[in-house]
N, C-alpha and C. Protein backbone atom coordinates (compact mmCIF):
# COMPACT_ATOMS: atom_id res chain seq x y z
N MET A 1 129.78 84.43 74.30
CA MET A 1 130.77 83.18 74.44
C MET A 1 132.00 83.17 74.54
N LYS A 2 133.03 82.62 75.29
CA LYS A 2 134.54 83.02 75.27
C LYS A 2 134.71 81.43 74.85
N ARG A 3 136.17 81.93 73.73
CA ARG A 3 136.30 80.05 73.35
C ARG A 3 137.71 80.20 73.59
N ALA A 4 138.55 79.03 74.03
CA ALA A 4 139.68 79.17 74.16
C ALA A 4 140.29 77.94 73.14
N TYR A 5 141.75 78.21 72.56
CA TYR A 5 141.93 77.52 71.57
C TYR A 5 143.28 76.71 72.50
N ARG A 6 143.99 75.88 72.28
CA ARG A 6 144.94 75.19 72.49
C ARG A 6 146.34 74.46 71.34
N TYR A 7 147.21 75.33 71.54
CA TYR A 7 148.03 75.18 70.08
C TYR A 7 149.62 74.42 70.56
N ARG A 8 149.89 73.86 70.07
CA ARG A 8 151.53 73.23 70.19
C ARG A 8 152.52 74.04 69.52
N PHE A 9 153.70 74.60 69.69
CA PHE A 9 154.29 75.72 69.60
C PHE A 9 155.41 74.86 69.40
N CYS A 10 156.27 74.78 67.99
CA CYS A 10 157.36 74.65 67.84
C CYS A 10 158.28 75.69 67.17
N PRO A 11 158.72 76.49 68.43
CA PRO A 11 160.10 77.57 68.19
C PRO A 11 161.15 77.46 67.70
N THR A 12 161.93 78.16 66.95
CA THR A 12 163.48 77.85 66.44
C THR A 12 164.02 78.53 68.19
N ASP A 13 165.35 78.07 68.16
CA ASP A 13 166.48 78.33 68.94
C ASP A 13 165.99 79.79 69.54
N ALA A 14 165.98 80.78 68.54
CA ALA A 14 166.24 81.47 69.14
C ALA A 14 164.68 82.26 69.38
N GLN A 15 163.86 81.77 69.28
CA GLN A 15 162.43 81.96 69.70
C GLN A 15 162.28 81.31 70.85
N ALA A 16 162.75 80.25 71.01
CA ALA A 16 162.68 79.68 72.91
C ALA A 16 163.35 80.18 73.31
N ALA A 17 165.13 80.70 73.19
CA ALA A 17 165.57 81.63 74.04
C ALA A 17 165.00 82.95 74.78
N GLU A 18 164.06 83.37 73.48
CA GLU A 18 163.62 84.52 73.88
C GLU A 18 161.87 84.10 74.96
N LEU A 19 161.39 82.92 74.40
CA LEU A 19 160.19 82.92 75.34
C LEU A 19 161.31 81.93 76.65
N SER A 20 162.39 81.57 76.91
CA SER A 20 162.53 81.04 78.08
C SER A 20 163.07 82.24 79.36
N ARG A 21 163.81 83.41 78.55
CA ARG A 21 164.08 84.54 79.10
C ARG A 21 162.61 85.42 79.47
N THR A 22 161.82 85.28 78.90
CA THR A 22 160.48 86.30 78.77
C THR A 22 159.49 85.05 80.22
N PHE A 23 159.68 83.91 80.37
CA PHE A 23 159.07 83.27 81.30
C PHE A 23 160.13 83.21 82.83
N GLY A 24 161.35 83.40 82.47
CA GLY A 24 162.35 83.79 83.75
C GLY A 24 161.99 85.68 84.28
N CYS A 25 161.56 86.04 83.68
CA CYS A 25 161.45 87.80 83.85
C CYS A 25 159.92 87.72 84.43
N VAL A 26 158.74 86.83 83.84
CA VAL A 26 157.58 86.61 84.38
C VAL A 26 157.39 86.25 85.72
N ARG A 27 157.96 85.01 85.99
CA ARG A 27 158.71 84.61 87.27
C ARG A 27 158.89 85.34 88.58
N LYS A 28 159.93 85.64 87.97
CA LYS A 28 161.11 86.91 89.15
C LYS A 28 159.92 87.80 89.68
N VAL A 29 159.03 88.61 88.35
CA VAL A 29 158.63 89.67 88.97
C VAL A 29 157.35 89.09 89.83
N TYR A 30 157.03 88.23 89.40
CA TYR A 30 155.85 87.60 90.34
C TYR A 30 156.49 87.60 91.81
N ASN A 31 157.26 86.59 91.44
CA ASN A 31 157.80 86.22 92.82
C ASN A 31 158.50 87.71 94.10
N MET A 32 158.82 88.56 92.99
CA MET A 32 159.27 89.70 94.00
C MET A 32 158.14 90.28 94.57
N ALA A 33 157.26 90.51 94.18
CA ALA A 33 156.00 91.24 93.95
C ALA A 33 155.43 90.48 95.32
N LEU A 34 154.63 89.07 95.06
CA LEU A 34 154.43 88.40 96.03
C LEU A 34 155.52 88.57 97.18
N ALA A 35 156.65 88.40 97.52
CA ALA A 35 157.41 88.55 98.48
C ALA A 35 157.19 90.05 99.28
N ALA A 36 156.93 90.63 98.11
CA ALA A 36 156.78 92.55 98.45
C ALA A 36 154.98 92.44 99.12
N ARG A 37 154.06 91.84 98.95
CA ARG A 37 152.83 91.83 99.30
C ARG A 37 152.90 91.11 100.35
N THR A 38 153.68 89.93 100.80
CA THR A 38 153.24 89.01 102.01
C THR A 38 154.28 89.83 103.20
N GLU A 39 155.01 90.53 102.42
CA GLU A 39 156.16 91.06 103.86
C GLU A 39 155.05 92.39 104.23
N ALA A 40 154.38 93.14 103.16
CA ALA A 40 153.74 94.09 103.72
C ALA A 40 152.03 93.20 104.42
N TRP A 41 151.79 92.29 104.35
CA TRP A 41 150.78 91.27 104.58
C TRP A 41 151.00 91.61 106.18
N THR A 42 152.41 91.31 106.57
CA THR A 42 152.84 90.63 107.71
C THR A 42 152.85 91.88 108.74
N ARG A 43 153.03 93.05 108.13
CA ARG A 43 152.88 94.52 108.55
C ARG A 43 151.53 94.95 109.19
N GLN A 44 150.19 93.95 108.46
CA GLN A 44 148.96 94.38 108.22
C GLN A 44 149.15 95.61 107.60
N GLU A 45 149.36 95.59 106.48
CA GLU A 45 149.40 96.77 105.29
C GLU A 45 148.93 95.97 103.75
N ARG A 46 147.90 96.69 103.17
CA ARG A 46 147.39 96.07 102.10
C ARG A 46 148.31 96.65 100.86
N VAL A 47 148.81 95.66 99.70
CA VAL A 47 149.29 96.41 98.75
C VAL A 47 148.74 95.57 97.57
N ASN A 48 148.10 96.68 96.46
CA ASN A 48 147.40 96.65 95.19
C ASN A 48 148.24 96.29 93.98
N TYR A 49 146.93 96.25 93.31
CA TYR A 49 147.75 96.04 91.95
C TYR A 49 148.46 97.69 91.48
N HIS A 50 147.94 98.56 91.48
CA HIS A 50 149.01 99.60 91.15
C HIS A 50 150.02 100.27 92.15
N GLN A 51 149.88 99.62 93.22
CA GLN A 51 151.47 99.55 93.93
C GLN A 51 152.49 98.76 93.73
N THR A 52 152.24 97.74 92.73
CA THR A 52 152.82 96.46 92.45
C THR A 52 153.43 97.04 91.10
N SER A 53 152.50 97.88 90.46
CA SER A 53 152.92 97.95 88.94
C SER A 53 153.79 99.37 89.07
N ALA A 54 153.67 99.78 90.14
CA ALA A 54 154.71 100.94 90.38
C ALA A 54 156.08 100.43 90.85
N MET A 55 155.93 99.43 91.60
CA MET A 55 157.28 98.59 91.95
C MET A 55 158.16 98.25 90.39
N LEU A 56 157.18 97.65 89.77
CA LEU A 56 157.62 97.20 88.55
C LEU A 56 158.36 97.90 87.86
N THR A 57 158.16 98.87 87.43
CA THR A 57 158.53 100.21 87.01
C THR A 57 159.56 100.78 87.94
N ALA A 58 159.74 100.56 88.91
CA ALA A 58 161.46 101.13 90.07
C ALA A 58 162.32 100.03 89.84
N TRP A 59 161.81 98.98 90.10
CA TRP A 59 162.31 97.90 89.31
C TRP A 59 163.47 98.26 88.31
N LYS A 60 162.49 97.76 87.45
CA LYS A 60 163.13 98.29 86.21
C LYS A 60 163.95 99.28 85.57
N LYS A 61 164.48 99.98 86.92
CA LYS A 61 164.83 101.31 86.55
C LYS A 61 166.56 100.89 87.50
N THR A 62 166.88 100.19 88.51
CA THR A 62 167.60 99.00 89.14
C THR A 62 168.89 98.72 87.71
N GLU A 63 169.83 98.89 88.16
CA GLU A 63 171.20 98.10 87.66
C GLU A 63 170.68 96.72 87.22
N GLU A 64 170.79 96.55 88.89
CA GLU A 64 170.81 94.55 88.68
C GLU A 64 169.42 94.06 87.92
N LEU A 65 168.20 94.83 87.49
CA LEU A 65 167.21 94.35 87.08
C LEU A 65 166.96 94.95 85.65
N ALA A 66 167.72 95.65 84.88
CA ALA A 66 167.41 96.48 84.02
C ALA A 66 167.22 95.08 82.68
N TYR A 67 167.79 93.84 83.29
CA TYR A 67 167.19 92.82 81.95
C TYR A 67 165.71 92.96 81.83
N LEU A 68 164.74 92.92 82.70
CA LEU A 68 163.45 93.06 82.39
C LEU A 68 162.99 94.33 81.12
N ASN A 69 163.76 95.28 81.13
CA ASN A 69 163.54 95.92 79.72
C ASN A 69 163.64 95.34 78.44
N GLU A 70 164.34 94.18 78.51
CA GLU A 70 164.66 93.40 77.19
C GLU A 70 163.51 92.42 77.14
N VAL A 71 162.49 92.16 77.82
CA VAL A 71 161.41 91.94 77.16
C VAL A 71 160.13 92.45 77.17
N SER A 72 159.14 92.10 76.89
CA SER A 72 157.66 92.83 76.62
C SER A 72 156.83 92.81 78.12
N SER A 73 156.57 94.23 78.08
CA SER A 73 155.83 94.59 79.69
C SER A 73 154.59 93.72 79.50
N VAL A 74 153.83 93.44 78.14
CA VAL A 74 152.65 92.60 78.68
C VAL A 74 152.76 91.40 79.73
N PRO A 75 153.64 90.70 79.44
CA PRO A 75 153.76 89.56 79.92
C PRO A 75 153.90 89.83 81.74
N LEU A 76 154.97 90.83 82.03
CA LEU A 76 155.22 91.41 83.25
C LEU A 76 153.85 91.65 83.86
N GLN A 77 153.33 92.74 83.11
CA GLN A 77 152.27 92.99 83.70
C GLN A 77 150.95 92.48 84.28
N GLN A 78 150.89 90.94 83.15
CA GLN A 78 149.46 90.26 83.63
C GLN A 78 150.40 89.19 84.60
N ALA A 79 151.82 88.78 84.99
CA ALA A 79 152.21 88.56 85.81
C ALA A 79 151.32 89.60 87.02
N LEU A 80 151.36 90.45 87.57
CA LEU A 80 150.72 91.32 88.63
C LEU A 80 149.49 90.92 88.78
N ARG A 81 149.05 91.03 87.45
CA ARG A 81 147.28 91.32 87.36
C ARG A 81 146.99 89.55 87.71
N HIS A 82 147.62 88.74 87.46
CA HIS A 82 147.28 87.04 88.21
C HIS A 82 147.51 86.94 89.79
N LEU A 83 149.06 87.61 89.90
CA LEU A 83 148.86 88.02 91.46
C LEU A 83 147.64 88.51 92.61
N GLN A 84 147.46 89.43 91.54
CA GLN A 84 146.35 90.67 92.07
C GLN A 84 145.40 89.64 92.56
N THR A 85 144.64 88.74 91.25
CA THR A 85 143.71 87.81 91.56
C THR A 85 144.41 86.73 92.29
N ALA A 86 144.96 86.29 92.45
CA ALA A 86 145.53 85.11 93.60
C ALA A 86 145.10 85.84 94.95
N PHE A 87 145.26 87.01 95.52
CA PHE A 87 145.14 87.64 96.64
C PHE A 87 143.80 87.74 96.57
N THR A 88 142.86 88.56 95.99
CA THR A 88 141.54 88.64 95.80
C THR A 88 141.20 87.25 96.22
N HIS A 89 141.34 86.41 95.50
CA HIS A 89 140.85 85.18 95.71
C HIS A 89 140.74 84.69 97.42
N PHE A 90 142.07 84.65 97.95
CA PHE A 90 142.25 84.18 98.99
C PHE A 90 142.00 84.97 100.11
N LEU A 91 141.57 86.53 100.32
CA LEU A 91 141.21 87.56 100.63
C LEU A 91 139.65 86.95 101.28
N ARG A 92 139.01 86.55 100.20
CA ARG A 92 137.46 85.97 100.15
C ARG A 92 137.52 84.83 100.46
N GLN A 93 139.17 84.46 100.72
CA GLN A 93 138.30 82.37 101.68
C GLN A 93 137.94 82.00 100.36
N ALA A 94 138.29 81.99 99.24
CA ALA A 94 138.10 81.12 97.76
C ALA A 94 139.33 80.46 97.46
N GLY A 95 140.28 80.71 98.23
CA GLY A 95 141.42 80.12 97.60
C GLY A 95 142.54 79.99 98.39
N GLU A 96 143.55 79.78 98.35
CA GLU A 96 144.82 79.24 99.14
C GLU A 96 145.81 80.63 98.91
N VAL A 97 146.80 80.77 99.86
CA VAL A 97 147.72 81.71 100.12
C VAL A 97 148.32 81.74 98.78
N PRO A 98 148.37 82.74 98.06
CA PRO A 98 149.39 82.43 96.89
C PRO A 98 150.96 81.74 97.07
N ALA A 99 151.61 80.85 96.30
CA ALA A 99 152.79 80.40 96.51
C ALA A 99 153.95 80.88 95.61
N PHE A 100 155.07 80.80 96.18
CA PHE A 100 156.20 81.85 95.00
C PHE A 100 155.89 80.59 93.80
N GLN A 101 156.29 80.76 92.25
CA GLN A 101 156.54 80.09 91.00
C GLN A 101 158.08 79.48 91.12
N VAL A 102 157.89 78.24 90.74
CA VAL A 102 159.21 77.64 90.35
C VAL A 102 159.55 77.05 89.06
N ALA A 103 160.82 77.35 88.55
CA ALA A 103 161.18 77.12 86.69
C ALA A 103 160.37 75.41 86.33
N GLU A 104 160.67 74.90 87.30
CA GLU A 104 159.90 73.26 86.97
C GLU A 104 158.80 73.31 87.02
N GLU A 105 157.92 73.99 87.10
CA GLU A 105 156.28 74.05 86.96
C GLU A 105 155.89 74.19 85.30
N VAL A 106 154.92 73.99 84.94
CA VAL A 106 154.58 73.93 83.79
C VAL A 106 154.34 75.85 83.35
N GLN A 107 154.97 75.80 82.12
CA GLN A 107 154.92 77.52 82.14
C GLN A 107 153.91 77.61 80.88
N GLU A 108 153.19 78.54 80.91
CA GLU A 108 151.90 78.96 79.96
C GLU A 108 152.15 80.18 79.21
N VAL A 109 150.96 80.57 78.32
CA VAL A 109 151.34 81.66 77.90
C VAL A 109 149.74 82.06 77.87
N ARG A 110 148.87 83.22 78.29
CA ARG A 110 147.60 83.49 77.88
C ARG A 110 147.91 84.77 77.26
N ARG A 111 147.43 84.66 75.94
CA ARG A 111 147.25 85.76 74.67
C ARG A 111 146.10 86.49 75.11
N VAL A 112 146.13 87.98 75.29
CA VAL A 112 144.93 88.60 75.23
C VAL A 112 144.66 88.79 74.20
N HIS A 113 143.41 88.87 73.34
CA HIS A 113 142.77 89.55 72.64
C HIS A 113 143.56 91.03 71.85
N HIS A 114 144.07 90.44 70.60
CA HIS A 114 144.42 92.15 69.88
C HIS A 114 145.96 92.53 70.49
N GLN A 115 146.37 91.18 71.30
CA GLN A 115 147.48 91.98 71.83
C GLN A 115 148.75 90.85 70.44
N ARG A 116 150.21 91.64 70.37
CA ARG A 116 151.30 90.75 69.51
C ARG A 116 152.16 90.59 70.52
N VAL A 117 152.73 89.46 70.19
CA VAL A 117 153.90 89.16 71.00
C VAL A 117 155.17 88.76 70.02
N PRO A 118 156.07 89.80 69.44
CA PRO A 118 157.27 89.56 68.93
C PRO A 118 158.11 88.65 69.00
N PHE A 119 158.27 88.25 67.92
CA PHE A 119 159.11 86.93 68.38
C PHE A 119 160.25 86.59 67.24
N PRO A 120 161.72 87.07 67.46
CA PRO A 120 162.79 86.81 66.66
C PRO A 120 162.90 85.84 65.71
N GLY A 121 163.39 86.05 64.80
CA GLY A 121 163.25 85.19 63.42
C GLY A 121 162.02 84.57 62.74
N ARG A 122 160.85 85.41 63.16
CA ARG A 122 159.57 85.55 62.51
C ARG A 122 159.33 85.39 60.93
């Protein structure tokens, strides 16, 4: 049986800045991968998780997206997995077309078992 726990997190200013940066990077990666997959879809090509993961590696090597290296890679990869799941549901007609993420939406973190996310000032 799987369990879920919900916690209220009161971060310090340094931790809040790190979380904000991480959420921003996750949103950027998700939206860039969604744009790439949508463009490929219009060309009647399919892009899978492994291809978007390779795109992420290439994006991290560019000068304008080098800031993606400053956050943990775990949430960035998880964003790509969530996008893959969204496309899988869409292709099975079980869901809607994946939408771009905006900063005003609720931000949440899903912690994978046995994964540590470092926070400065802890």
